[in-house]
Amino acid sequence: MNADVPPGVVFGECLVDDFGAVQRLGGAPFNVAQHLHALGVASVFVSRVGRDASGQHILQHMRDWGMPTNEVTVDALLPTGRVRVTADARQGHHFEILPHQAYDAIGMPSSVIAPIPWLYHGSLALREDGPSRATWRQLRARAQWRFVDINLRDPWWNPELLTEIIRGSSILKCNMEELEQIIRTYELPPASTLREAMQIVAGHFHVQAVLLTRGAAGAAYGDGTNFYEAEALPTVVQDTVGAGDAFVAGWFWSLFRGDAVARRLQRAGELAAAICAISGAIPDQPAFYRAIMARWAKEAGFG
C-alpha cells in the first residue's frame, strides 16, 4: 500500500438488508468502507443510524472490525435504513428501499476538514432534498478527487438530481444496465461500440473516466483516450449481492498502490469474485481479506 495516500471520505448509507428470515448489514458505502478498512486503506465513514437495534448492530459490527465510528451519528427519530430483499427470477433480487431513514439525515462531520483528498459516494443517500444532500454538497466542494458509484433504484432518482451527482466527477462507476438507462434517459447519441458509449456518457457529464461492471461479462474502463476491458473471473456463485462494492474496493486498493489500469481491473474483479463465492455482501471473518492480500503480495513478489 502506498503510505503517502491520505485518508479519504466514504459518504452514504448504512442499512439492513432484510431477507425475511435473515438480516444482513449493507448499503454500498458501508460495504466499501469495511472492505477498504480491512484492506488497509484509511478512510472516514460518514453516515447515520437510528436509535434502534439495527443501528446498534451496525455500530457494534464496526467496533468489532476496528472501524472508527466517530462520524456515524445516531438519529433520535428516524430509523436505521432498511431494504426488503426478495428473490426475483429475472433480476436475481428485488429491492424495496424504505423512505425517510436515518441515512437521509446525515450531518456534516466534525472531523473532516478541507481539502478532502478523495471522496467516495453513491446516489441513494442523496434521494431527499434534506440534510444528507446538503452535507454531500459541502463535502463535494472540499474534495480534490471524487468517485461516484450510482445506484438507480426507482423511484429514488431523477434526471436533474443524477446530473448534479455525476457532473464533474473524477470517476463514474455504474453497471451495464445503468449505463444503458443513462443513455435512454438523456437521449444521448447512439453508439456502435461499448467504448464509444462510455465516451459519450463521460463527455455528457464532463467526467474524467467511466468504470463499468458487466457481471459475468467482466468490466471495462474508459477515460476518453484509453480503453480497457477485463474478463470476469470464474467462481462458484453463492449470490451477487455486494459484488459491485467489492469491485470498487479492489479498484481503490490497487489504485493507491500505483498499479496500472489493467491491474486495477484485475484486482477489482478478484475481490468481486471472492464476494460472489460467499453469502452476503461482506465476509464474517478478517481471514477472508488476509487470504486475498497474501495472494496479491505473493503475486507481486513479496510473499
C-alpha atoms as a PDB file:
ATOM      1  CA  MET A   1       0.000   0.000   0.000  1.00  0.00           C
ATOM      2  CA  ASN A   2       1.161   3.498  -0.780  1.00  0.00           C
ATOM      3  CA  ALA A   3       1.662   5.057   2.647  1.00  0.00           C
ATOM      4  CA  ASP A   4       1.548   8.527   1.093  1.00  0.00           C
ATOM      5  CA  VAL A   5      -2.168   8.237   0.315  1.00  0.00           C
ATOM      6  CA  PRO A   6      -4.034  10.228   2.981  1.00  0.00           C
ATOM      7  CA  PRO A   7      -7.394   9.110   4.382  1.00  0.00           C
ATOM      8  CA  GLY A   8     -10.402   9.996   2.289  1.00  0.00           C
ATOM      9  CA  VAL A   9     -14.134  10.078   2.991  1.00  0.00           C
ATOM     10  CA  VAL A  10     -16.716   7.385   2.293  1.00  0.00           C
ATOM     11  CA  PHE A  11     -20.150   9.017   2.468  1.00  0.00           C
ATOM     12  CA  GLY A  12     -23.612   7.494   2.390  1.00  0.00           C
ATOM     13  CA  GLU A  13     -25.981   4.880   3.655  1.00  0.00           C
ATOM     14  CA  CYS A  14     -25.520   2.041   6.080  1.00  0.00           C
ATOM     15  CA  LEU A  15     -28.579  -0.153   6.450  1.00  0.00           C
ATOM     16  CA  VAL A  16     -30.030  -3.596   6.985  1.00  0.00           C
ATOM     17  CA  ASP A  17     -30.873  -5.814   4.035  1.00  0.00           C
ATOM     18  CA  ASP A  18     -33.946  -7.706   5.236  1.00  0.00           C
ATOM     19  CA  PHE A  19     -34.284 -11.099   3.535  1.00  0.00           C
ATOM     20  CA  GLY A  20     -37.145 -12.115   5.825  1.00  0.00           C
ATOM     21  CA  ALA A  21     -35.649 -14.906   7.898  1.00  0.00           C
ATOM     22  CA  VAL A  22     -32.168 -13.404   7.580  1.00  0.00           C
ATOM     23  CA  GLN A  23     -30.992  -9.830   8.029  1.00  0.00           C
ATOM     24  CA  ARG A  24     -27.616  -8.631   6.780  1.00  0.00           C
ATOM     25  CA  LEU A  25     -25.774  -5.375   7.148  1.00  0.00           C
ATOM     26  CA  GLY A  26     -25.442  -3.464   3.912  1.00  0.00           C
ATOM     27  CA  GLY A  27     -25.512  -0.261   1.960  1.00  0.00           C
ATOM     28  CA  ALA A  28     -22.890   0.257  -0.745  1.00  0.00           C
ATOM     29  CA  PRO A  29     -20.886   2.921   1.157  1.00  0.00           C
ATOM     30  CA  PHE A  30     -20.885   0.779   4.304  1.00  0.00           C
ATOM     31  CA  ASN A  31     -19.699  -2.261   2.349  1.00  0.00           C
ATOM     32  CA  VAL A  32     -16.981  -0.233   0.627  1.00  0.00           C
ATOM     33  CA  ALA A  33     -15.876   1.272   3.953  1.00  0.00           C
ATOM     34  CA  GLN A  34     -15.461  -2.163   5.529  1.00  0.00           C
ATOM     35  CA  HIS A  35     -13.590  -3.567   2.540  1.00  0.00           C
ATOM     36  CA  LEU A  36     -11.226  -0.587   2.455  1.00  0.00           C
ATOM     37  CA  HIS A  37     -10.579  -0.780   6.191  1.00  0.00           C
ATOM     38  CA  ALA A  38      -9.852  -4.498   6.039  1.00  0.00           C
ATOM     39  CA  LEU A  39      -7.543  -3.957   3.049  1.00  0.00           C
ATOM     40  CA  GLY A  40      -5.615  -1.250   4.879  1.00  0.00           C
ATOM     41  CA  VAL A  41      -6.973   1.785   3.025  1.00  0.00           C
ATOM     42  CA  ALA A  42      -7.658   4.518   5.587  1.00  0.00           C
ATOM     43  CA  SER A  43     -10.915   6.429   5.302  1.00  0.00           C
ATOM     44  CA  VAL A  44     -13.565   8.212   7.357  1.00  0.00           C
ATOM     45  CA  PHE A  45     -17.018   6.683   7.042  1.00  0.00           C
ATOM     46  CA  VAL A  46     -19.721   9.369   7.273  1.00  0.00           C
ATOM     47  CA  SER A  47     -23.243   8.061   7.832  1.00  0.00           C
ATOM     48  CA  ARG A  48     -26.183   7.952  10.268  1.00  0.00           C
ATOM     49  CA  VAL A  49     -28.153   5.213  12.022  1.00  0.00           C
ATOM     50  CA  GLY A  50     -31.269   5.171  14.170  1.00  0.00           C
ATOM     51  CA  ARG A  51     -31.523   4.735  17.907  1.00  0.00           C
ATOM     52  CA  ASP A  52     -32.632   1.134  17.483  1.00  0.00           C
ATOM     53  CA  ALA A  53     -31.350  -2.437  17.484  1.00  0.00           C
ATOM     54  CA  SER A  54     -30.253  -2.306  13.851  1.00  0.00           C
ATOM     55  CA  GLY A  55     -28.250   0.842  14.473  1.00  0.00           C
ATOM     56  CA  GLN A  56     -26.549  -0.699  17.486  1.00  0.00           C
ATOM     57  CA  HIS A  57     -25.795  -3.797  15.421  1.00  0.00           C
ATOM     58  CA  ILE A  58     -24.087  -1.709  12.759  1.00  0.00           C
ATOM     59  CA  LEU A  59     -22.032   0.260  15.292  1.00  0.00           C
ATOM     60  CA  GLN A  60     -21.015  -2.867  17.182  1.00  0.00           C
ATOM     61  CA  HIS A  61     -20.019  -4.576  13.948  1.00  0.00           C
ATOM     62  CA  MET A  62     -17.795  -1.628  13.102  1.00  0.00           C
ATOM     63  CA  ARG A  63     -16.181  -1.725  16.555  1.00  0.00           C
ATOM     64  CA  ASP A  64     -15.616  -5.460  16.257  1.00  0.00           C
ATOM     65  CA  TRP A  65     -13.768  -4.863  12.995  1.00  0.00           C
ATOM     66  CA  GLY A  66     -11.778  -1.949  14.392  1.00  0.00           C
ATOM     67  CA  MET A  67     -13.512   0.603  12.166  1.00  0.00           C
ATOM     68  CA  PRO A  68     -13.811   4.164  13.521  1.00  0.00           C
ATOM     69  CA  THR A  69     -17.412   5.082  14.358  1.00  0.00           C
ATOM     70  CA  ASN A  70     -16.985   8.742  15.340  1.00  0.00           C
ATOM     71  CA  GLU A  71     -18.692  10.036  12.182  1.00  0.00           C
ATOM     72  CA  VAL A  72     -21.589   7.564  12.206  1.00  0.00           C
ATOM     73  CA  THR A  73     -24.103   9.612  14.165  1.00  0.00           C
ATOM     74  CA  VAL A  74     -27.319   8.414  15.835  1.00  0.00           C
ATOM     75  CA  ASP A  75     -30.708   9.855  14.967  1.00  0.00           C
ATOM     76  CA  ALA A  76     -33.248  10.007  17.798  1.00  0.00           C
ATOM     77  CA  LEU A  77     -36.286   9.927  15.497  1.00  0.00           C
ATOM     78  CA  LEU A  78     -35.548   8.272  12.151  1.00  0.00           C
ATOM     79  CA  PRO A  79     -34.949   4.506  11.969  1.00  0.00           C
ATOM     80  CA  THR A  80     -31.833   2.791  10.708  1.00  0.00           C
ATOM     81  CA  GLY A  81     -32.067   2.237   6.974  1.00  0.00           C
ATOM     82  CA  ARG A  82     -33.821  -0.914   5.836  1.00  0.00           C
ATOM     83  CA  VAL A  83     -34.215  -2.613   2.458  1.00  0.00           C
ATOM     84  CA  ARG A  84     -36.600  -5.516   1.951  1.00  0.00           C
ATOM     85  CA  VAL A  85     -34.964  -8.012  -0.403  1.00  0.00           C
ATOM     86  CA  THR A  86     -36.861 -10.733  -2.240  1.00  0.00           C
ATOM     87  CA  ALA A  87     -35.777 -13.185  -4.915  1.00  0.00           C
ATOM     88  CA  ASP A  88     -36.517 -12.143  -8.496  1.00  0.00           C
ATOM     89  CA  ALA A  89     -36.323 -14.691 -11.293  1.00  0.00           C
ATOM     90  CA  ARG A  90     -35.260 -12.052 -13.855  1.00  0.00           C
ATOM     91  CA  GLN A  91     -33.011  -9.689 -11.868  1.00  0.00           C
ATOM     92  CA  GLY A  92     -31.768 -12.012  -9.129  1.00  0.00           C
ATOM     93  CA  HIS A  93     -33.089  -9.812  -6.331  1.00  0.00           C
ATOM     94  CA  HIS A  94     -35.828  -7.218  -5.899  1.00  0.00           C
ATOM     95  CA  PHE A  95     -35.070  -4.359  -3.507  1.00  0.00           C
ATOM     96  CA  GLU A  96     -37.799  -2.407  -1.702  1.00  0.00           C
ATOM     97  CA  ILE A  97     -35.991   0.630  -0.308  1.00  0.00           C
ATOM     98  CA  LEU A  98     -37.933   2.228   2.536  1.00  0.00           C
ATOM     99  CA  PRO A  99     -38.333   6.040   2.716  1.00  0.00           C
ATOM    100  CA  HIS A 100     -37.282   8.541   5.408  1.00  0.00           C
ATOM    101  CA  GLN A 101     -34.449   6.643   7.028  1.00  0.00           C
ATOM    102  CA  ALA A 102     -31.609   7.852   9.240  1.00  0.00           C
ATOM    103  CA  TYR A 103     -29.195   7.965   6.290  1.00  0.00           C
ATOM    104  CA  ASP A 104     -31.405  10.656   4.744  1.00  0.00           C
ATOM    105  CA  ALA A 105     -30.338  12.995   7.577  1.00  0.00           C
ATOM    106  CA  ILE A 106     -26.531  12.725   7.609  1.00  0.00           C
ATOM    107  CA  GLY A 107     -24.966  15.854   9.094  1.00  0.00           C
ATOM    108  CA  MET A 108     -21.638  17.487   8.327  1.00  0.00           C
ATOM    109  CA  PRO A 109     -18.837  15.533  10.049  1.00  0.00           C
ATOM    110  CA  SER A 110     -16.885  17.466  12.651  1.00  0.00           C
ATOM    111  CA  SER A 111     -13.557  15.761  11.970  1.00  0.00           C
ATOM    112  CA  VAL A 112     -13.469  16.324   8.219  1.00  0.00           C
ATOM    113  CA  ILE A 113     -11.693  19.495   7.147  1.00  0.00           C
ATOM    114  CA  ALA A 114     -10.757  20.850   3.729  1.00  0.00           C
ATOM    115  CA  PRO A 115      -9.313  19.715   1.495  1.00  0.00           C
ATOM    116  CA  ILE A 116     -10.591  16.142   1.290  1.00  0.00           C
ATOM    117  CA  PRO A 117      -8.034  14.074  -0.692  1.00  0.00           C
ATOM    118  CA  TRP A 118     -10.671  11.769  -2.128  1.00  0.00           C
ATOM    119  CA  LEU A 119     -14.410  11.242  -1.722  1.00  0.00           C
ATOM    120  CA  TYR A 120     -16.454   8.126  -2.473  1.00  0.00           C
ATOM    121  CA  HIS A 121     -20.249   8.341  -2.536  1.00  0.00           C
ATOM    122  CA  GLY A 122     -23.274   6.823  -4.197  1.00  0.00           C
ATOM    123  CA  SER A 123     -26.636   8.298  -5.128  1.00  0.00           C
ATOM    124  CA  LEU A 124     -29.159   6.654  -2.772  1.00  0.00           C
ATOM    125  CA  ALA A 125     -28.378   8.791   0.299  1.00  0.00           C
ATOM    126  CA  LEU A 126     -28.954  11.888  -1.849  1.00  0.00           C
ATOM    127  CA  ARG A 127     -32.517  10.966  -2.807  1.00  0.00           C
ATOM    128  CA  GLU A 128     -34.195  13.515  -0.478  1.00  0.00           C
ATOM    129  CA  ASP A 129     -33.696  17.268  -0.616  1.00  0.00           C
ATOM    130  CA  GLY A 130     -32.609  17.411   3.001  1.00  0.00           C
ATOM    131  CA  PRO A 131     -29.647  17.145   5.380  1.00  0.00           C
ATOM    132  CA  SER A 132     -27.755  14.366   3.591  1.00  0.00           C
ATOM    133  CA  ARG A 133     -27.803  16.186   0.269  1.00  0.00           C
ATOM    134  CA  ALA A 134     -26.713  19.437   1.939  1.00  0.00           C
ATOM    135  CA  THR A 135     -23.832  17.634   3.659  1.00  0.00           C
ATOM    136  CA  TRP A 136     -22.797  15.979   0.415  1.00  0.00           C
ATOM    137  CA  ARG A 137     -22.645  19.327  -1.350  1.00  0.00           C
ATOM    138  CA  GLN A 138     -20.250  20.615   1.299  1.00  0.00           C
ATOM    139  CA  LEU A 139     -18.089  17.501   1.057  1.00  0.00           C
ATOM    140  CA  ARG A 140     -18.088  17.664  -2.731  1.00  0.00           C
ATOM    141  CA  ALA A 141     -16.877  21.261  -2.630  1.00  0.00           C
ATOM    142  CA  ARG A 142     -13.944  20.197  -0.428  1.00  0.00           C
ATOM    143  CA  ALA A 143     -12.979  17.066  -2.366  1.00  0.00           C
ATOM    144  CA  GLN A 144      -9.935  17.055  -4.614  1.00  0.00           C
ATOM    145  CA  TRP A 145     -10.956  13.784  -6.305  1.00  0.00           C
ATOM    146  CA  ARG A 146     -14.422  12.232  -6.419  1.00  0.00           C
ATOM    147  CA  PHE A 147     -15.564   8.674  -7.164  1.00  0.00           C
ATOM    148  CA  VAL A 148     -19.315   8.389  -7.861  1.00  0.00           C
ATOM    149  CA  ASP A 149     -20.991   4.973  -7.657  1.00  0.00           C
ATOM    150  CA  ILE A 150     -24.594   5.379  -8.773  1.00  0.00           C
ATOM    151  CA  ASN A 151     -27.456   3.136  -7.687  1.00  0.00           C
ATOM    152  CA  LEU A 152     -30.523   3.802  -9.834  1.00  0.00           C
ATOM    153  CA  ARG A 153     -33.386   2.349  -7.834  1.00  0.00           C
ATOM    154  CA  ASP A 154     -36.832   3.645  -8.784  1.00  0.00           C
ATOM    155  CA  PRO A 155     -38.327   5.925  -7.601  1.00  0.00           C
ATOM    156  CA  TRP A 156     -35.290   7.280  -5.756  1.00  0.00           C
ATOM    157  CA  TRP A 157     -33.674   9.240  -8.566  1.00  0.00           C
ATOM    158  CA  ASN A 158     -34.499  11.675 -11.333  1.00  0.00           C
ATOM    159  CA  PRO A 159     -32.522  13.124 -14.274  1.00  0.00           C
ATOM    160  CA  GLU A 160     -31.966  16.538 -12.679  1.00  0.00           C
ATOM    161  CA  LEU A 161     -30.598  15.069  -9.460  1.00  0.00           C
ATOM    162  CA  LEU A 162     -28.496  12.496 -11.284  1.00  0.00           C
ATOM    163  CA  THR A 163     -26.900  15.207 -13.395  1.00  0.00           C
ATOM    164  CA  GLU A 164     -25.871  17.102 -10.273  1.00  0.00           C
ATOM    165  CA  ILE A 165     -24.491  13.938  -8.666  1.00  0.00           C
ATOM    166  CA  ILE A 166     -22.411  12.822 -11.632  1.00  0.00           C
ATOM    167  CA  ARG A 167     -21.284  16.048 -13.290  1.00  0.00           C
ATOM    168  CA  GLY A 168     -17.612  16.842 -12.908  1.00  0.00           C
ATOM    169  CA  SER A 169     -16.704  13.690 -11.018  1.00  0.00           C
ATOM    170  CA  SER A 170     -13.323  12.041 -11.411  1.00  0.00           C
ATOM    171  CA  ILE A 171     -14.733   8.538 -11.947  1.00  0.00           C
ATOM    172  CA  LEU A 172     -18.304   7.443 -12.612  1.00  0.00           C
ATOM    173  CA  LYS A 173     -18.870   3.805 -11.728  1.00  0.00           C
ATOM    174  CA  CYS A 174     -22.006   2.081 -12.993  1.00  0.00           C
ATOM    175  CA  ASN A 175     -23.167  -1.274 -14.260  1.00  0.00           C
ATOM    176  CA  MET A 176     -24.267  -2.101 -17.796  1.00  0.00           C
ATOM    177  CA  GLU A 177     -27.972  -1.659 -17.057  1.00  0.00           C
ATOM    178  CA  GLU A 178     -27.318   1.752 -15.524  1.00  0.00           C
ATOM    179  CA  LEU A 179     -25.180   2.834 -18.469  1.00  0.00           C
ATOM    180  CA  GLU A 180     -27.984   1.934 -20.861  1.00  0.00           C
ATOM    181  CA  GLN A 181     -30.525   3.667 -18.620  1.00  0.00           C
ATOM    182  CA  ILE A 182     -28.452   6.866 -18.641  1.00  0.00           C
ATOM    183  CA  ILE A 183     -28.228   6.812 -22.428  1.00  0.00           C
ATOM    184  CA  ARG A 184     -32.018   6.369 -22.729  1.00  0.00           C
ATOM    185  CA  THR A 185     -32.885   8.938 -20.072  1.00  0.00           C
ATOM    186  CA  TYR A 186     -30.769  11.716 -21.524  1.00  0.00           C
ATOM    187  CA  GLU A 187     -31.406  10.682 -25.147  1.00  0.00           C
ATOM    188  CA  LEU A 188     -27.702  10.528 -25.865  1.00  0.00           C
ATOM    189  CA  PRO A 189     -26.455   9.705 -29.383  1.00  0.00           C
ATOM    190  CA  PRO A 190     -26.397   6.008 -30.303  1.00  0.00           C
ATOM    191  CA  ALA A 191     -23.041   4.251 -30.017  1.00  0.00           C
ATOM    192  CA  SER A 192     -21.712   1.423 -32.145  1.00  0.00           C
ATOM    193  CA  THR A 193     -19.298   0.108 -29.514  1.00  0.00           C
ATOM    194  CA  LEU A 194     -19.077  -0.099 -25.741  1.00  0.00           C
ATOM    195  CA  ARG A 195     -16.065   2.196 -25.793  1.00  0.00           C
ATOM    196  CA  GLU A 196     -17.998   4.824 -27.714  1.00  0.00           C
ATOM    197  CA  ALA A 197     -20.983   4.551 -25.351  1.00  0.00           C
ATOM    198  CA  MET A 198     -18.750   5.147 -22.347  1.00  0.00           C
ATOM    199  CA  GLN A 199     -17.076   8.103 -24.086  1.00  0.00           C
ATOM    200  CA  ILE A 200     -20.458   9.652 -24.865  1.00  0.00           C
ATOM    201  CA  VAL A 201     -21.581   9.349 -21.239  1.00  0.00           C
ATOM    202  CA  ALA A 202     -18.276  10.715 -19.947  1.00  0.00           C
ATOM    203  CA  GLY A 203     -18.486  13.664 -22.301  1.00  0.00           C
ATOM    204  CA  HIS A 204     -22.096  14.454 -21.439  1.00  0.00           C
ATOM    205  CA  PHE A 205     -21.366  14.689 -17.718  1.00  0.00           C
ATOM    206  CA  HIS A 206     -17.814  16.053 -18.017  1.00  0.00           C
ATOM    207  CA  VAL A 207     -16.346  13.181 -16.019  1.00  0.00           C
ATOM    208  CA  GLN A 208     -12.742  12.083 -16.351  1.00  0.00           C
ATOM    209  CA  ALA A 209     -13.422   8.351 -16.644  1.00  0.00           C
ATOM    210  CA  VAL A 210     -16.148   5.699 -16.572  1.00  0.00           C
ATOM    211  CA  LEU A 211     -15.685   2.408 -14.730  1.00  0.00           C
ATOM    212  CA  LEU A 212     -18.192  -0.210 -15.840  1.00  0.00           C
ATOM    213  CA  THR A 213     -19.118  -3.530 -14.262  1.00  0.00           C
ATOM    214  CA  ARG A 214     -20.772  -6.080 -16.543  1.00  0.00           C
ATOM    215  CA  GLY A 215     -21.447  -9.095 -14.329  1.00  0.00           C
ATOM    216  CA  ALA A 216     -20.375 -12.324 -15.980  1.00  0.00           C
ATOM    217  CA  ALA A 217     -19.111 -10.302 -18.968  1.00  0.00           C
ATOM    218  CA  GLY A 218     -16.399  -8.662 -16.859  1.00  0.00           C
ATOM    219  CA  ALA A 219     -15.595  -4.963 -16.580  1.00  0.00           C
ATOM    220  CA  ALA A 220     -14.335  -2.006 -18.593  1.00  0.00           C
ATOM    221  CA  TYR A 221     -12.645   1.340 -18.052  1.00  0.00           C
ATOM    222  CA  GLY A 222     -12.511   4.319 -20.380  1.00  0.00           C
ATOM    223  CA  ASP A 223     -11.034   7.774 -19.834  1.00  0.00           C
ATOM    224  CA  GLY A 224     -11.607   9.333 -23.242  1.00  0.00           C
ATOM    225  CA  THR A 225      -8.194   8.357 -24.552  1.00  0.00           C
ATOM    226  CA  ASN A 226      -7.627   4.880 -23.152  1.00  0.00           C
ATOM    227  CA  PHE A 227      -9.978   1.916 -23.042  1.00  0.00           C
ATOM    228  CA  TYR A 228      -9.503  -1.345 -21.178  1.00  0.00           C
ATOM    229  CA  GLU A 229     -11.617  -4.470 -20.815  1.00  0.00           C
ATOM    230  CA  ALA A 230     -11.244  -7.367 -18.385  1.00  0.00           C
ATOM    231  CA  GLU A 231     -12.950 -10.739 -18.310  1.00  0.00           C
ATOM    232  CA  ALA A 232     -14.830 -11.900 -15.219  1.00  0.00           C
ATOM    233  CA  LEU A 233     -13.039 -14.490 -13.142  1.00  0.00           C
ATOM    234  CA  PRO A 234     -14.649 -17.917 -12.848  1.00  0.00           C
ATOM    235  CA  THR A 235     -16.143 -18.551  -9.431  1.00  0.00           C
ATOM    236  CA  VAL A 236     -18.831 -20.631  -7.742  1.00  0.00           C
ATOM    237  CA  VAL A 237     -21.518 -18.015  -7.134  1.00  0.00           C
ATOM    238  CA  GLN A 238     -23.403 -18.090  -3.835  1.00  0.00           C
ATOM    239  CA  ASP A 239     -25.028 -14.728  -4.555  1.00  0.00           C
ATOM    240  CA  THR A 240     -24.028 -11.498  -6.274  1.00  0.00           C
ATOM    241  CA  VAL A 241     -25.160  -9.062  -3.560  1.00  0.00           C
ATOM    242  CA  GLY A 242     -22.375  -6.549  -2.944  1.00  0.00           C
ATOM    243  CA  ALA A 243     -20.177  -7.668  -5.835  1.00  0.00           C
ATOM    244  CA  GLY A 244     -20.012  -4.139  -7.226  1.00  0.00           C
ATOM    245  CA  ASP A 245     -18.992  -2.736  -3.845  1.00  0.00           C
ATOM    246  CA  ALA A 246     -16.168  -5.255  -3.575  1.00  0.00           C
ATOM    247  CA  PHE A 247     -15.117  -4.334  -7.110  1.00  0.00           C
ATOM    248  CA  VAL A 248     -14.854  -0.685  -6.070  1.00  0.00           C
ATOM    249  CA  ALA A 249     -12.760  -1.515  -3.001  1.00  0.00           C
ATOM    250  CA  GLY A 250     -10.399  -3.689  -5.011  1.00  0.00           C
ATOM    251  CA  TRP A 251     -10.024  -0.879  -7.533  1.00  0.00           C
ATOM    252  CA  PHE A 252      -9.184   1.622  -4.780  1.00  0.00           C
ATOM    253  CA  TRP A 253      -6.637  -0.725  -3.191  1.00  0.00           C
ATOM    254  CA  SER A 254      -4.877  -1.252  -6.495  1.00  0.00           C
ATOM    255  CA  LEU A 255      -5.117   2.413  -7.479  1.00  0.00           C
ATOM    256  CA  PHE A 256      -3.452   3.542  -4.267  1.00  0.00           C
ATOM    257  CA  ARG A 257      -0.668   1.034  -4.824  1.00  0.00           C
ATOM    258  CA  GLY A 258       0.095   2.816  -8.071  1.00  0.00           C
ATOM    259  CA  ASP A 259      -0.989  -0.081 -10.301  1.00  0.00           C
ATOM    260  CA  ALA A 260      -1.749   0.377 -13.982  1.00  0.00           C
ATOM    261  CA  VAL A 261      -5.372   0.300 -15.110  1.00  0.00           C
ATOM    262  CA  ALA A 262      -5.259  -3.303 -16.322  1.00  0.00           C
ATOM    263  CA  ARG A 263      -4.022  -4.483 -12.924  1.00  0.00           C
ATOM    264  CA  ARG A 264      -6.658  -2.409 -11.128  1.00  0.00           C
ATOM    265  CA  LEU A 265      -9.386  -4.126 -13.148  1.00  0.00           C
ATOM    266  CA  GLN A 266      -7.835  -7.483 -12.309  1.00  0.00           C
ATOM    267  CA  ARG A 267      -7.668  -6.851  -8.567  1.00  0.00           C
ATOM    268  CA  ALA A 268     -11.174  -5.383  -8.515  1.00  0.00           C
ATOM    269  CA  GLY A 269     -12.525  -8.417 -10.343  1.00  0.00           C
ATOM    270  CA  GLU A 270     -10.751 -10.791  -7.983  1.00  0.00           C
ATOM    271  CA  LEU A 271     -12.289  -9.219  -4.891  1.00  0.00           C
ATOM    272  CA  ALA A 272     -15.731  -9.137  -6.521  1.00  0.00           C
ATOM    273  CA  ALA A 273     -15.430 -12.825  -7.462  1.00  0.00           C
ATOM    274  CA  ALA A 274     -14.428 -13.697  -3.902  1.00  0.00           C
ATOM    275  CA  ILE A 275     -17.501 -11.910  -2.535  1.00  0.00           C
ATOM    276  CA  CYS A 276     -19.746 -13.729  -5.012  1.00  0.00           C
ATOM    277  CA  ALA A 277     -18.414 -17.008  -3.635  1.00  0.00           C
ATOM    278  CA  ILE A 278     -19.769 -16.264  -0.139  1.00  0.00           C
ATOM    279  CA  SER A 279     -23.259 -15.479   1.084  1.00  0.00           C
ATOM    280  CA  GLY A 280     -23.852 -11.782   1.604  1.00  0.00           C
ATOM    281  CA  ALA A 281     -22.073  -8.565   0.708  1.00  0.00           C
ATOM    282  CA  ILE A 282     -19.398  -8.639   3.416  1.00  0.00           C
ATOM    283  CA  PRO A 283     -17.487 -11.541   4.987  1.00  0.00           C
ATOM    284  CA  ASP A 284     -17.848 -12.601   8.600  1.00  0.00           C
ATOM    285  CA  GLN A 285     -14.147 -13.022   9.339  1.00  0.00           C
ATOM    286  CA  PRO A 286     -10.982 -10.981   8.635  1.00  0.00           C
ATOM    287  CA  ALA A 287      -9.356 -14.188   7.353  1.00  0.00           C
ATOM    288  CA  PHE A 288     -11.246 -13.581   4.106  1.00  0.00           C
ATOM    289  CA  TYR A 289      -9.146 -10.492   3.428  1.00  0.00           C
ATOM    290  CA  ARG A 290      -5.898 -11.922   4.753  1.00  0.00           C
ATOM    291  CA  ALA A 291      -6.082 -14.756   2.233  1.00  0.00           C
ATOM    292  CA  ILE A 292      -6.679 -12.366  -0.666  1.00  0.00           C
ATOM    293  CA  MET A 293      -3.952  -9.934   0.357  1.00  0.00           C
ATOM    294  CA  ALA A 294      -1.472 -12.763   0.896  1.00  0.00           C
ATOM    295  CA  ARG A 295      -2.131 -13.967  -2.639  1.00  0.00           C
ATOM    296  CA  TRP A 296      -1.739 -10.452  -4.027  1.00  0.00           C
ATOM    297  CA  ALA A 297       1.515  -9.960  -2.121  1.00  0.00           C
ATOM    298  CA  LYS A 298       2.865 -13.283  -3.427  1.00  0.00           C
ATOM    299  CA  GLU A 299       1.964 -12.372  -6.995  1.00  0.00           C
ATOM    300  CA  ALA A 300       3.744  -9.038  -6.532  1.00  0.00           C
ATOM    301  CA  GLY A 301       6.867 -10.833  -5.310  1.00  0.00           C
ATOM    302  CA  PHE A 302       6.523 -10.001  -1.611  1.00  0.00           C
ATOM    303  CA  GLY A 303       5.289 -13.347  -0.379  1.00  0.00           C
END
